[in-house]
N, C-alpha and C. Protein backbone atom coordinates (compact mmCIF):
# COMPACT_ATOMS: atom_id res chain seq x y z
N MET A 1 0.85 -1.17 0.00
CA MET A 1 0.00 0.00 0.00
C MET A 1 0.90 1.23 0.00
N SER A 2 0.66 2.14 -0.91
CA SER A 2 1.44 3.36 -1.01
C SER A 2 1.11 4.28 0.15
N THR A 3 2.12 4.97 0.67
CA THR A 3 1.88 5.89 1.77
C THR A 3 2.34 7.28 1.38
N ASP A 4 1.50 7.99 0.66
CA ASP A 4 1.77 9.35 0.25
C ASP A 4 1.59 10.25 1.46
N LEU A 5 2.68 10.75 2.01
CA LEU A 5 2.62 11.49 3.26
C LEU A 5 2.89 12.97 3.06
N ARG A 6 2.51 13.50 1.92
CA ARG A 6 2.67 14.93 1.70
C ARG A 6 1.88 15.70 2.74
N ARG A 7 2.36 16.86 3.06
CA ARG A 7 1.68 17.71 4.03
C ARG A 7 0.33 18.15 3.50
N ALA A 8 -0.59 18.40 4.40
CA ALA A 8 -1.92 18.87 4.03
C ALA A 8 -1.81 20.25 3.39
N PRO A 9 -2.58 20.48 2.32
CA PRO A 9 -2.57 21.80 1.69
C PRO A 9 -3.03 22.88 2.66
N ALA A 10 -2.67 24.12 2.33
CA ALA A 10 -3.10 25.24 3.18
C ALA A 10 -4.60 25.17 3.38
N GLY A 11 -5.04 25.43 4.59
CA GLY A 11 -6.47 25.38 4.89
C GLY A 11 -6.91 24.03 5.43
N GLN A 12 -6.04 23.00 5.33
CA GLN A 12 -6.37 21.69 5.89
C GLN A 12 -5.45 21.46 7.08
N SER A 13 -5.98 20.92 8.13
CA SER A 13 -5.18 20.69 9.33
C SER A 13 -4.62 19.28 9.35
N MET A 14 -3.70 19.07 10.26
CA MET A 14 -3.11 17.76 10.47
C MET A 14 -3.72 17.15 11.72
N LEU A 15 -3.79 15.82 11.77
CA LEU A 15 -4.25 15.16 12.99
C LEU A 15 -3.24 15.42 14.11
N ARG A 16 -3.74 15.79 15.25
CA ARG A 16 -2.89 16.02 16.42
C ARG A 16 -3.54 15.30 17.61
N GLU A 17 -2.70 14.81 18.50
CA GLU A 17 -3.21 14.04 19.63
C GLU A 17 -3.67 14.97 20.75
N ILE A 18 -4.85 14.68 21.28
CA ILE A 18 -5.36 15.32 22.48
C ILE A 18 -4.78 14.52 23.65
N LEU A 19 -3.99 15.16 24.47
CA LEU A 19 -3.24 14.42 25.48
C LEU A 19 -4.03 14.14 26.76
N ILE A 20 -5.04 14.93 27.04
CA ILE A 20 -5.83 14.70 28.25
C ILE A 20 -7.15 14.06 27.84
N VAL A 21 -7.22 12.74 28.00
CA VAL A 21 -8.40 11.95 27.63
C VAL A 21 -8.81 11.14 28.85
N GLU A 22 -10.09 11.22 29.18
CA GLU A 22 -10.59 10.47 30.33
C GLU A 22 -10.37 8.97 30.11
N GLN A 23 -9.79 8.32 31.10
CA GLN A 23 -9.52 6.89 31.06
C GLN A 23 -10.48 6.19 32.02
N ARG A 24 -11.48 5.53 31.48
CA ARG A 24 -12.52 4.91 32.33
C ARG A 24 -12.21 3.47 32.71
N ASP A 25 -11.49 2.76 31.85
CA ASP A 25 -11.20 1.34 32.07
C ASP A 25 -9.69 1.20 32.32
N PRO A 26 -9.29 0.75 33.51
CA PRO A 26 -7.86 0.66 33.81
C PRO A 26 -7.11 -0.37 32.96
N SER A 27 -7.84 -1.25 32.27
CA SER A 27 -7.18 -2.25 31.43
C SER A 27 -6.98 -1.75 29.99
N LEU A 28 -7.50 -0.55 29.68
CA LEU A 28 -7.38 0.01 28.34
C LEU A 28 -6.85 1.43 28.39
N ARG A 29 -6.16 1.82 27.33
CA ARG A 29 -5.72 3.20 27.17
C ARG A 29 -6.49 3.80 26.01
N ARG A 30 -7.20 4.90 26.26
CA ARG A 30 -7.92 5.59 25.18
C ARG A 30 -7.07 6.75 24.69
N ARG A 31 -7.06 6.90 23.34
CA ARG A 31 -6.33 8.01 22.73
C ARG A 31 -7.26 8.69 21.74
N TRP A 32 -6.99 9.99 21.51
CA TRP A 32 -7.84 10.78 20.63
C TRP A 32 -6.95 11.68 19.80
N PHE A 33 -7.13 11.59 18.48
CA PHE A 33 -6.45 12.45 17.53
C PHE A 33 -7.52 13.23 16.79
N GLU A 34 -7.26 14.52 16.53
CA GLU A 34 -8.28 15.33 15.87
C GLU A 34 -7.67 16.24 14.81
N SER A 35 -8.50 16.58 13.83
CA SER A 35 -8.22 17.63 12.85
C SER A 35 -9.55 18.28 12.55
N ASP A 36 -9.57 19.18 11.58
CA ASP A 36 -10.83 19.80 11.21
C ASP A 36 -11.79 18.81 10.56
N TYR A 37 -11.25 17.76 9.94
CA TYR A 37 -12.05 16.81 9.18
C TYR A 37 -12.24 15.47 9.89
N PHE A 38 -11.26 15.08 10.72
CA PHE A 38 -11.27 13.76 11.36
C PHE A 38 -11.25 13.86 12.88
N ASP A 39 -11.84 12.84 13.50
CA ASP A 39 -11.57 12.46 14.89
C ASP A 39 -11.20 10.99 14.83
N LEU A 40 -10.07 10.62 15.40
CA LEU A 40 -9.65 9.23 15.47
C LEU A 40 -9.55 8.86 16.94
N PHE A 41 -10.40 7.92 17.36
CA PHE A 41 -10.39 7.43 18.73
C PHE A 41 -9.82 6.02 18.71
N ILE A 42 -8.85 5.76 19.58
CA ILE A 42 -8.15 4.48 19.63
C ILE A 42 -8.23 3.92 21.04
N TRP A 43 -8.47 2.63 21.15
CA TRP A 43 -8.39 1.92 22.42
C TRP A 43 -7.28 0.90 22.29
N GLN A 44 -6.35 0.91 23.24
CA GLN A 44 -5.24 -0.03 23.25
C GLN A 44 -5.21 -0.77 24.58
N ASP A 45 -4.74 -2.02 24.55
CA ASP A 45 -4.56 -2.72 25.82
C ASP A 45 -3.25 -2.23 26.45
N LEU A 46 -2.94 -2.69 27.63
CA LEU A 46 -1.77 -2.18 28.35
C LEU A 46 -0.46 -2.56 27.68
N ALA A 47 -0.49 -3.57 26.82
CA ALA A 47 0.71 -3.95 26.07
C ALA A 47 0.85 -3.12 24.79
N GLY A 48 -0.16 -2.30 24.48
CA GLY A 48 -0.08 -1.44 23.30
C GLY A 48 -0.82 -1.96 22.08
N ALA A 49 -1.42 -3.15 22.17
CA ALA A 49 -2.16 -3.71 21.03
C ALA A 49 -3.45 -2.92 20.81
N TYR A 50 -3.79 -2.71 19.54
CA TYR A 50 -5.01 -1.98 19.21
C TYR A 50 -6.22 -2.90 19.38
N ILE A 51 -7.19 -2.43 20.16
CA ILE A 51 -8.38 -3.20 20.47
C ILE A 51 -9.57 -2.71 19.66
N LYS A 52 -9.64 -1.38 19.45
CA LYS A 52 -10.78 -0.78 18.78
C LYS A 52 -10.38 0.59 18.27
N PHE A 53 -11.03 1.04 17.17
CA PHE A 53 -10.91 2.44 16.79
C PHE A 53 -12.18 2.92 16.13
N GLN A 54 -12.37 4.23 16.15
CA GLN A 54 -13.43 4.92 15.42
C GLN A 54 -12.75 6.03 14.63
N LEU A 55 -12.86 5.98 13.32
CA LEU A 55 -12.36 7.05 12.47
C LEU A 55 -13.58 7.83 11.99
N CYS A 56 -13.85 8.94 12.67
CA CYS A 56 -14.98 9.81 12.32
C CYS A 56 -14.49 10.83 11.30
N TYR A 57 -15.30 11.10 10.29
CA TYR A 57 -14.86 12.03 9.25
C TYR A 57 -16.01 12.89 8.76
N ASP A 58 -15.64 13.94 8.02
CA ASP A 58 -16.58 14.94 7.50
C ASP A 58 -17.42 15.49 8.66
N LEU A 59 -16.72 15.91 9.70
CA LEU A 59 -17.34 16.29 10.97
C LEU A 59 -18.31 17.45 10.85
N GLU A 60 -18.04 18.39 9.99
CA GLU A 60 -18.86 19.60 9.92
C GLU A 60 -20.10 19.44 9.04
N ARG A 61 -20.05 18.56 8.04
CA ARG A 61 -21.16 18.48 7.08
C ARG A 61 -22.05 17.28 7.27
N ASN A 62 -21.47 16.08 7.25
CA ASN A 62 -22.26 14.85 7.30
C ASN A 62 -21.43 13.78 7.99
N GLU A 63 -21.31 13.88 9.30
CA GLU A 63 -20.40 13.01 10.04
C GLU A 63 -20.75 11.53 9.84
N ARG A 64 -19.70 10.77 9.53
CA ARG A 64 -19.78 9.33 9.41
C ARG A 64 -18.54 8.74 10.08
N ALA A 65 -18.53 7.43 10.27
CA ALA A 65 -17.39 6.81 10.94
C ALA A 65 -17.19 5.39 10.45
N LEU A 66 -15.92 5.02 10.34
CA LEU A 66 -15.56 3.62 10.18
C LEU A 66 -15.16 3.16 11.57
N VAL A 67 -15.83 2.11 12.03
CA VAL A 67 -15.59 1.58 13.37
C VAL A 67 -15.03 0.19 13.23
N TRP A 68 -13.91 -0.08 13.90
CA TRP A 68 -13.31 -1.40 13.89
C TRP A 68 -13.09 -1.85 15.32
N GLY A 69 -13.40 -3.12 15.57
CA GLY A 69 -13.15 -3.72 16.88
C GLY A 69 -12.52 -5.08 16.70
N GLN A 70 -11.62 -5.43 17.59
CA GLN A 70 -10.91 -6.70 17.53
C GLN A 70 -11.87 -7.88 17.49
N SER A 71 -12.98 -7.78 18.20
CA SER A 71 -13.91 -8.90 18.26
C SER A 71 -14.97 -8.88 17.16
N GLY A 72 -15.31 -7.70 16.62
CA GLY A 72 -16.42 -7.64 15.67
C GLY A 72 -16.08 -7.19 14.27
N GLY A 73 -14.83 -6.89 14.00
CA GLY A 73 -14.47 -6.42 12.67
C GLY A 73 -14.89 -4.98 12.45
N ALA A 74 -15.06 -4.60 11.18
CA ALA A 74 -15.33 -3.20 10.83
C ALA A 74 -16.73 -3.02 10.28
N TYR A 75 -17.28 -1.84 10.49
CA TYR A 75 -18.54 -1.44 9.89
C TYR A 75 -18.55 0.07 9.74
N HIS A 76 -19.43 0.55 8.92
CA HIS A 76 -19.52 1.98 8.63
C HIS A 76 -20.79 2.54 9.26
N ASP A 77 -20.67 3.71 9.88
CA ASP A 77 -21.79 4.35 10.57
C ASP A 77 -21.98 5.78 10.09
N GLY A 78 -23.21 6.25 10.22
CA GLY A 78 -23.52 7.66 10.05
C GLY A 78 -24.05 8.18 11.37
N VAL A 79 -24.42 9.45 11.41
CA VAL A 79 -24.94 10.03 12.63
C VAL A 79 -26.37 10.48 12.42
N ASP A 80 -27.25 10.04 13.30
CA ASP A 80 -28.62 10.55 13.34
C ASP A 80 -28.60 11.63 14.42
N HIS A 81 -28.79 12.87 13.99
CA HIS A 81 -28.67 14.00 14.91
C HIS A 81 -29.89 14.16 15.81
N GLY A 82 -30.93 13.36 15.61
CA GLY A 82 -32.09 13.42 16.48
C GLY A 82 -32.92 14.67 16.31
N ASP A 83 -32.73 15.37 15.16
CA ASP A 83 -33.50 16.61 14.99
C ASP A 83 -34.83 16.36 14.31
N GLY A 84 -34.94 15.28 13.55
CA GLY A 84 -36.20 14.91 12.92
C GLY A 84 -36.80 15.99 12.03
N GLY A 85 -36.01 16.97 11.67
CA GLY A 85 -36.51 18.01 10.79
C GLY A 85 -37.58 18.88 11.44
N GLY A 86 -37.66 18.85 12.77
CA GLY A 86 -38.61 19.70 13.47
C GLY A 86 -40.03 19.16 13.51
N ARG A 87 -40.23 17.92 13.03
CA ARG A 87 -41.58 17.34 13.07
C ARG A 87 -41.91 16.92 14.49
N PRO A 88 -43.14 17.18 14.95
CA PRO A 88 -43.53 16.78 16.31
C PRO A 88 -43.36 15.28 16.50
N GLY A 89 -42.80 14.89 17.63
CA GLY A 89 -42.64 13.47 17.94
C GLY A 89 -41.57 12.79 17.12
N SER A 90 -40.73 13.54 16.43
CA SER A 90 -39.74 12.94 15.54
C SER A 90 -38.36 12.84 16.17
N GLY A 91 -38.26 13.07 17.46
CA GLY A 91 -36.98 12.93 18.12
C GLY A 91 -36.25 14.24 18.29
N HIS A 92 -36.91 15.35 18.05
CA HIS A 92 -36.27 16.65 18.18
C HIS A 92 -35.67 16.80 19.58
N GLY A 93 -34.42 17.24 19.63
CA GLY A 93 -33.76 17.48 20.90
C GLY A 93 -33.05 16.26 21.47
N GLN A 94 -33.07 15.13 20.77
CA GLN A 94 -32.38 13.95 21.27
C GLN A 94 -30.90 14.04 20.97
N SER A 95 -30.11 13.29 21.71
CA SER A 95 -28.67 13.26 21.49
C SER A 95 -28.36 12.55 20.18
N PRO A 96 -27.32 13.02 19.46
CA PRO A 96 -26.92 12.32 18.24
C PRO A 96 -26.44 10.91 18.56
N ILE A 97 -26.75 9.96 17.68
CA ILE A 97 -26.31 8.58 17.84
C ILE A 97 -25.81 8.06 16.51
N PHE A 98 -24.90 7.05 16.56
CA PHE A 98 -24.44 6.40 15.34
C PHE A 98 -25.50 5.43 14.84
N VAL A 99 -25.71 5.39 13.52
CA VAL A 99 -26.61 4.45 12.88
C VAL A 99 -25.91 3.85 11.67
N ARG A 100 -26.28 2.63 11.27
CA ARG A 100 -25.68 2.01 10.09
C ARG A 100 -25.87 2.91 8.89
N ASP A 101 -24.82 3.09 8.11
CA ASP A 101 -24.88 4.06 7.02
C ASP A 101 -23.98 3.68 5.87
N GLY A 102 -24.53 3.16 4.83
CA GLY A 102 -23.90 3.00 3.53
C GLY A 102 -22.43 2.68 3.47
N ARG A 103 -21.81 3.19 2.42
CA ARG A 103 -20.42 2.83 2.17
C ARG A 103 -19.47 3.96 2.52
N LEU A 104 -18.24 3.58 2.79
CA LEU A 104 -17.17 4.51 3.10
C LEU A 104 -16.77 5.27 1.85
N ASP A 105 -16.68 6.57 1.93
CA ASP A 105 -16.25 7.41 0.80
C ASP A 105 -14.73 7.34 0.71
N SER A 106 -14.22 6.19 0.24
CA SER A 106 -12.78 5.94 0.27
C SER A 106 -12.00 6.86 -0.66
N GLY A 107 -12.61 7.32 -1.73
CA GLY A 107 -11.91 8.21 -2.66
C GLY A 107 -11.54 9.53 -2.03
N THR A 108 -12.27 9.94 -1.02
CA THR A 108 -11.97 11.18 -0.29
C THR A 108 -11.23 10.87 1.00
N VAL A 109 -11.73 9.90 1.76
CA VAL A 109 -11.24 9.64 3.10
C VAL A 109 -9.80 9.12 3.11
N VAL A 110 -9.49 8.15 2.27
CA VAL A 110 -8.16 7.52 2.32
C VAL A 110 -7.04 8.52 1.99
N PRO A 111 -7.10 9.23 0.85
CA PRO A 111 -6.00 10.16 0.58
C PRO A 111 -5.91 11.29 1.62
N ARG A 112 -7.04 11.75 2.09
CA ARG A 112 -7.02 12.83 3.08
C ARG A 112 -6.46 12.32 4.40
N PHE A 113 -6.84 11.11 4.80
CA PHE A 113 -6.29 10.54 6.03
C PHE A 113 -4.78 10.38 5.90
N LYS A 114 -4.30 9.90 4.77
CA LYS A 114 -2.85 9.75 4.57
C LYS A 114 -2.13 11.08 4.76
N ARG A 115 -2.68 12.14 4.20
CA ARG A 115 -2.05 13.47 4.35
C ARG A 115 -2.11 13.96 5.79
N GLU A 116 -3.31 13.92 6.38
CA GLU A 116 -3.49 14.50 7.70
C GLU A 116 -2.91 13.66 8.82
N ALA A 117 -2.63 12.39 8.57
CA ALA A 117 -2.08 11.49 9.59
C ALA A 117 -0.56 11.38 9.51
N ALA A 118 0.08 12.24 8.74
CA ALA A 118 1.53 12.14 8.55
C ALA A 118 2.30 12.28 9.86
N ASP A 119 1.75 12.97 10.84
CA ASP A 119 2.47 13.21 12.08
C ASP A 119 2.10 12.27 13.22
N ILE A 120 1.13 11.37 13.01
CA ILE A 120 0.79 10.44 14.09
C ILE A 120 1.75 9.25 14.01
N PRO A 121 1.83 8.43 15.05
CA PRO A 121 2.76 7.29 15.00
C PRO A 121 2.53 6.42 13.76
N VAL A 122 3.62 6.05 13.11
CA VAL A 122 3.56 5.30 11.85
C VAL A 122 2.78 4.00 12.02
N ASP A 123 3.03 3.25 13.11
CA ASP A 123 2.33 1.98 13.28
C ASP A 123 0.83 2.18 13.39
N LEU A 124 0.40 3.24 14.04
CA LEU A 124 -1.03 3.53 14.16
C LEU A 124 -1.62 3.90 12.81
N ARG A 125 -0.94 4.77 12.09
CA ARG A 125 -1.42 5.19 10.76
C ARG A 125 -1.55 3.98 9.84
N GLU A 126 -0.52 3.13 9.80
CA GLU A 126 -0.55 1.96 8.93
C GLU A 126 -1.61 0.95 9.37
N PHE A 127 -1.83 0.82 10.67
CA PHE A 127 -2.87 -0.08 11.18
C PHE A 127 -4.24 0.38 10.70
N VAL A 128 -4.54 1.67 10.87
CA VAL A 128 -5.84 2.20 10.46
C VAL A 128 -6.01 2.04 8.96
N LEU A 129 -4.99 2.37 8.18
CA LEU A 129 -5.08 2.21 6.71
C LEU A 129 -5.29 0.75 6.32
N ALA A 130 -4.64 -0.17 7.02
CA ALA A 130 -4.83 -1.60 6.72
C ALA A 130 -6.27 -2.03 7.01
N LYS A 131 -6.84 -1.56 8.11
CA LYS A 131 -8.22 -1.92 8.45
C LYS A 131 -9.21 -1.28 7.48
N ILE A 132 -8.92 -0.07 7.01
CA ILE A 132 -9.77 0.54 5.98
C ILE A 132 -9.73 -0.33 4.73
N GLY A 133 -8.53 -0.75 4.33
CA GLY A 133 -8.39 -1.62 3.16
C GLY A 133 -9.14 -2.93 3.31
N GLU A 134 -9.04 -3.55 4.48
CA GLU A 134 -9.77 -4.80 4.73
C GLU A 134 -11.27 -4.57 4.63
N HIS A 135 -11.74 -3.46 5.20
CA HIS A 135 -13.17 -3.15 5.15
C HIS A 135 -13.63 -2.98 3.70
N LEU A 136 -12.86 -2.27 2.90
CA LEU A 136 -13.23 -2.05 1.50
C LEU A 136 -13.26 -3.36 0.72
N LEU A 137 -12.28 -4.23 0.96
CA LEU A 137 -12.26 -5.53 0.27
C LEU A 137 -13.44 -6.38 0.69
N GLU A 138 -13.76 -6.37 1.97
CA GLU A 138 -14.90 -7.15 2.47
C GLU A 138 -16.21 -6.63 1.88
N ALA A 139 -16.35 -5.31 1.83
CA ALA A 139 -17.57 -4.72 1.27
C ALA A 139 -17.69 -5.08 -0.21
N ARG A 140 -16.58 -5.05 -0.92
CA ARG A 140 -16.60 -5.41 -2.35
C ARG A 140 -16.95 -6.88 -2.52
N SER A 141 -16.40 -7.72 -1.66
CA SER A 141 -16.68 -9.15 -1.72
C SER A 141 -18.16 -9.43 -1.48
N ARG A 142 -18.76 -8.74 -0.50
CA ARG A 142 -20.19 -8.92 -0.23
C ARG A 142 -21.01 -8.50 -1.45
N LYS A 143 -20.63 -7.40 -2.05
CA LYS A 143 -21.35 -6.90 -3.23
C LYS A 143 -21.22 -7.87 -4.39
N MET A 144 -20.02 -8.43 -4.58
CA MET A 144 -19.77 -9.33 -5.70
C MET A 144 -20.42 -10.70 -5.50
N SER A 145 -20.78 -11.04 -4.27
CA SER A 145 -21.33 -12.37 -4.02
C SER A 145 -22.81 -12.47 -4.37
N ARG A 146 -23.42 -11.37 -4.74
CA ARG A 146 -24.83 -11.40 -5.13
C ARG A 146 -24.98 -12.28 -6.37
N ARG A 147 -25.95 -13.13 -6.39
CA ARG A 147 -26.10 -14.09 -7.48
C ARG A 147 -27.02 -13.60 -8.58
N GLN A 148 -27.77 -12.57 -8.34
CA GLN A 148 -28.66 -12.06 -9.38
C GLN A 148 -28.81 -10.56 -9.26
N VAL A 149 -29.24 -9.97 -10.32
CA VAL A 149 -29.46 -8.53 -10.36
C VAL A 149 -30.68 -8.20 -9.51
N ARG A 150 -30.59 -7.13 -8.76
CA ARG A 150 -31.76 -6.69 -7.98
C ARG A 150 -32.76 -6.10 -8.95
N ARG A 151 -33.99 -6.54 -8.84
CA ARG A 151 -35.06 -6.03 -9.70
C ARG A 151 -36.26 -5.64 -8.85
N GLU A 152 -36.92 -4.62 -9.29
CA GLU A 152 -38.20 -4.27 -8.68
C GLU A 152 -39.18 -5.37 -9.05
N ARG A 153 -40.28 -5.48 -8.31
CA ARG A 153 -41.26 -6.53 -8.57
C ARG A 153 -41.75 -6.49 -10.02
N TRP A 154 -41.99 -5.29 -10.55
CA TRP A 154 -42.54 -5.17 -11.91
C TRP A 154 -41.52 -5.56 -12.97
N GLN A 155 -40.22 -5.62 -12.61
CA GLN A 155 -39.19 -5.97 -13.57
C GLN A 155 -38.93 -7.47 -13.64
N ARG A 156 -39.47 -8.21 -12.71
CA ARG A 156 -39.18 -9.64 -12.65
C ARG A 156 -40.02 -10.40 -13.66
N ARG A 157 -39.41 -11.44 -14.20
CA ARG A 157 -40.14 -12.30 -15.13
C ARG A 157 -40.97 -13.28 -14.32
N ASN A 158 -42.20 -13.45 -14.75
CA ASN A 158 -43.06 -14.41 -14.08
C ASN A 158 -42.81 -15.80 -14.66
N PRO A 159 -42.55 -16.76 -13.78
CA PRO A 159 -42.39 -18.11 -14.30
C PRO A 159 -43.77 -18.62 -14.74
N GLY A 160 -43.96 -18.68 -16.01
CA GLY A 160 -45.26 -19.09 -16.53
C GLY A 160 -45.07 -20.07 -17.66
N PRO A 161 -46.10 -20.26 -18.44
CA PRO A 161 -45.96 -21.19 -19.56
C PRO A 161 -44.89 -20.68 -20.53
N GLU A 162 -44.19 -21.61 -21.11
CA GLU A 162 -43.14 -21.23 -22.05
C GLU A 162 -43.76 -20.50 -23.23
N THR A 163 -42.98 -19.56 -23.75
CA THR A 163 -43.47 -18.83 -24.92
C THR A 163 -43.45 -19.78 -26.12
N THR A 164 -44.36 -19.55 -26.99
CA THR A 164 -44.41 -20.42 -28.18
C THR A 164 -43.27 -20.08 -29.11
N LYS A 165 -42.78 -21.10 -29.78
CA LYS A 165 -41.66 -20.88 -30.70
C LYS A 165 -42.14 -20.06 -31.87
N GLY A 166 -41.23 -19.26 -32.37
CA GLY A 166 -41.56 -18.46 -33.53
C GLY A 166 -41.96 -17.04 -33.14
N ASN A 167 -42.06 -16.73 -31.84
CA ASN A 167 -42.39 -15.36 -31.40
C ASN A 167 -41.18 -14.50 -31.38
């Protein structure tokens, strides 16, 4: 995997570590790296092995996240802001929560992460990039395993009597 580590263009920030992070579990170390576009949350065991991460991106416009865990693998999430568009009873005023959300925008996220992560520890950057790659391959594999084209009900052929020859 190529690691283009050019500096972020003017107007784009680099990921930097937030050094004061609440540690709730004495068996894990939580770390947080942030930029204008990304939040990267990492959980490590006391030996330094990566247990889980959340790579949140596009924070200002349409926040989404790739979440990876040692026990459950990776999945992609979006954020439901709980605003419901102001409709009564639609959840207005609720806290934002992660919800399952489509595919990772790898054409934007991967190159930008490579640029903005140039200053974080190399092993961490390479680990996250490897897990992004695994997630993309897995998603492609799931997509390719479909055995038939998705059709609306009206597009499906009805199994009926064979058509007469000569038509």
